[in-house]
Structure formats: structure tokens, C-alpha cells
Amino acid sequence: MGLHFSKEEFSNRKEKTLNSMKNEGVDALIMFRQESMYWLTGYDTFGYVFFKH
């Protein structure tokens, strides 16, 4: 999977997220919203729209 933004941007987003978690005393992050996963990782899928039987 390719990133939809530069590796530097990915590093910045990751660092920003980890710093926020540390400041809030959060040890884990669980993401359910597609928009949040995309913002942090660039992961893009249609999986949340199309369900398999």
C-alpha cells in the first residue's frame, strides 16, 4: 500500500498523535472511523462501505 502523502508527513502525523497520547496519559489508540485511519496512516479502503456475506 502506498502512502497518499509524503513519508515526512506520515512521521509528523505519527509524532503528533503519540505526543498527544502521552500528554493525556493514553497508552493505546483504537480507531474505528475511516477518516481517522486515513488521516493517521493513509489507509484507504472501500471495506467500510461494502459488506461481504
N, C-alpha and C. Protein backbone atom coordinates (compact mmCIF):
# COMPACT_ATOMS: atom_id res chain seq x y z
N MET A 1 0.85 -1.18 0.00
CA MET A 1 0.00 0.00 0.00
C MET A 1 0.89 1.23 0.00
N GLY A 2 0.65 2.13 -0.91
CA GLY A 2 1.40 3.38 -0.95
C GLY A 2 0.76 4.44 -0.09
N LEU A 3 1.59 5.33 0.40
CA LEU A 3 1.07 6.45 1.18
C LEU A 3 0.46 7.49 0.25
N HIS A 4 -0.57 8.16 0.72
CA HIS A 4 -1.20 9.22 -0.05
C HIS A 4 -0.59 10.57 0.32
N PHE A 5 0.49 10.54 1.09
CA PHE A 5 1.24 11.73 1.45
C PHE A 5 2.68 11.33 1.68
N SER A 6 3.57 12.30 1.86
CA SER A 6 4.99 12.01 1.98
C SER A 6 5.31 11.26 3.28
N LYS A 7 6.47 10.58 3.27
CA LYS A 7 6.92 9.89 4.48
C LYS A 7 7.14 10.88 5.61
N GLU A 8 7.59 12.08 5.28
CA GLU A 8 7.78 13.13 6.30
C GLU A 8 6.46 13.53 6.93
N GLU A 9 5.43 13.65 6.11
CA GLU A 9 4.10 13.97 6.62
C GLU A 9 3.59 12.85 7.52
N PHE A 10 3.81 11.60 7.11
CA PHE A 10 3.42 10.46 7.93
C PHE A 10 4.12 10.52 9.29
N SER A 11 5.43 10.78 9.28
CA SER A 11 6.19 10.88 10.53
C SER A 11 5.66 11.99 11.41
N ASN A 12 5.32 13.12 10.81
CA ASN A 12 4.77 14.25 11.59
C ASN A 12 3.43 13.89 12.22
N ARG A 13 2.56 13.24 11.46
CA ARG A 13 1.25 12.85 11.99
C ARG A 13 1.39 11.83 13.11
N LYS A 14 2.29 10.87 12.91
CA LYS A 14 2.53 9.85 13.94
C LYS A 14 3.08 10.49 15.21
N GLU A 15 4.07 11.36 15.06
CA GLU A 15 4.66 12.03 16.22
C GLU A 15 3.63 12.89 16.95
N LYS A 16 2.82 13.61 16.21
CA LYS A 16 1.78 14.45 16.81
C LYS A 16 0.79 13.60 17.60
N THR A 17 0.40 12.48 17.05
CA THR A 17 -0.54 11.58 17.72
C THR A 17 0.07 10.99 18.99
N LEU A 18 1.31 10.51 18.89
CA LEU A 18 1.97 9.92 20.06
C LEU A 18 2.19 10.96 21.16
N ASN A 19 2.55 12.17 20.79
CA ASN A 19 2.73 13.24 21.80
C ASN A 19 1.42 13.56 22.50
N SER A 20 0.34 13.63 21.74
CA SER A 20 -0.97 13.89 22.33
C SER A 20 -1.38 12.78 23.28
N MET A 21 -1.12 11.53 22.88
CA MET A 21 -1.44 10.39 23.74
C MET A 21 -0.64 10.46 25.02
N LYS A 22 0.64 10.76 24.92
CA LYS A 22 1.50 10.84 26.10
C LYS A 22 1.03 11.95 27.03
N ASN A 23 0.70 13.11 26.49
CA ASN A 23 0.24 14.24 27.30
C ASN A 23 -1.07 13.94 28.03
N GLU A 24 -1.89 13.10 27.43
CA GLU A 24 -3.19 12.75 28.03
C GLU A 24 -3.10 11.48 28.88
N GLY A 25 -1.95 10.84 28.92
CA GLY A 25 -1.79 9.61 29.68
C GLY A 25 -2.47 8.42 29.05
N VAL A 26 -2.56 8.42 27.73
CA VAL A 26 -3.22 7.35 26.99
C VAL A 26 -2.17 6.36 26.51
N ASP A 27 -2.39 5.07 26.78
CA ASP A 27 -1.44 4.03 26.42
C ASP A 27 -1.77 3.31 25.11
N ALA A 28 -3.01 3.42 24.66
CA ALA A 28 -3.42 2.71 23.45
C ALA A 28 -4.40 3.56 22.66
N LEU A 29 -4.45 3.29 21.37
CA LEU A 29 -5.36 4.02 20.49
C LEU A 29 -6.12 3.01 19.63
N ILE A 30 -7.42 3.08 19.70
CA ILE A 30 -8.28 2.23 18.87
C ILE A 30 -9.06 3.16 17.96
N MET A 31 -8.98 2.91 16.67
CA MET A 31 -9.65 3.76 15.69
C MET A 31 -10.71 2.96 14.95
N PHE A 32 -11.89 3.54 14.83
CA PHE A 32 -12.98 2.91 14.10
C PHE A 32 -13.42 3.72 12.89
N ARG A 33 -13.20 5.00 12.93
CA ARG A 33 -13.64 5.86 11.83
C ARG A 33 -12.65 5.82 10.68
N GLN A 34 -13.17 5.61 9.48
CA GLN A 34 -12.34 5.55 8.29
C GLN A 34 -11.52 6.83 8.12
N GLU A 35 -12.13 7.97 8.42
CA GLU A 35 -11.46 9.26 8.26
C GLU A 35 -10.24 9.36 9.17
N SER A 36 -10.35 8.85 10.39
CA SER A 36 -9.24 8.88 11.34
C SER A 36 -8.11 7.97 10.89
N MET A 37 -8.46 6.77 10.42
CA MET A 37 -7.44 5.84 9.94
C MET A 37 -6.72 6.42 8.74
N TYR A 38 -7.49 7.04 7.85
CA TYR A 38 -6.89 7.64 6.67
C TYR A 38 -5.96 8.79 7.06
N TRP A 39 -6.40 9.66 7.98
CA TRP A 39 -5.58 10.80 8.38
C TRP A 39 -4.25 10.34 8.96
N LEU A 40 -4.29 9.34 9.82
CA LEU A 40 -3.07 8.91 10.50
C LEU A 40 -2.17 8.05 9.63
N THR A 41 -2.74 7.12 8.88
CA THR A 41 -1.92 6.13 8.19
C THR A 41 -1.98 6.21 6.67
N GLY A 42 -2.98 6.88 6.13
CA GLY A 42 -3.16 6.89 4.68
C GLY A 42 -3.88 5.66 4.18
N TYR A 43 -4.33 4.79 5.12
CA TYR A 43 -5.05 3.57 4.75
C TYR A 43 -6.39 3.94 4.15
N ASP A 44 -6.63 3.51 2.91
CA ASP A 44 -7.85 3.85 2.20
C ASP A 44 -8.49 2.57 1.69
N THR A 45 -9.74 2.36 2.03
CA THR A 45 -10.43 1.14 1.62
C THR A 45 -11.91 1.40 1.40
N PHE A 46 -12.53 0.57 0.61
CA PHE A 46 -13.97 0.60 0.45
C PHE A 46 -14.63 -0.40 1.40
N GLY A 47 -13.83 -1.06 2.24
CA GLY A 47 -14.33 -2.11 3.11
C GLY A 47 -15.42 -1.69 4.05
N TYR A 48 -15.44 -0.43 4.44
CA TYR A 48 -16.48 0.03 5.36
C TYR A 48 -17.80 0.32 4.65
N VAL A 49 -17.79 0.29 3.32
CA VAL A 49 -18.99 0.56 2.54
C VAL A 49 -19.63 -0.74 2.07
N PHE A 50 -18.80 -1.67 1.64
CA PHE A 50 -19.29 -2.91 1.06
C PHE A 50 -19.09 -4.07 2.04
N PHE A 51 -20.19 -4.72 2.39
CA PHE A 51 -20.13 -5.82 3.32
C PHE A 51 -20.20 -7.14 2.57
N LYS A 52 -19.40 -8.10 2.99
CA LYS A 52 -19.43 -9.42 2.37
C LYS A 52 -20.42 -10.30 3.14
N HIS A 53 -21.03 -11.22 2.44
CA HIS A 53 -21.99 -12.14 3.07
C HIS A 53 -21.30 -13.40 3.47
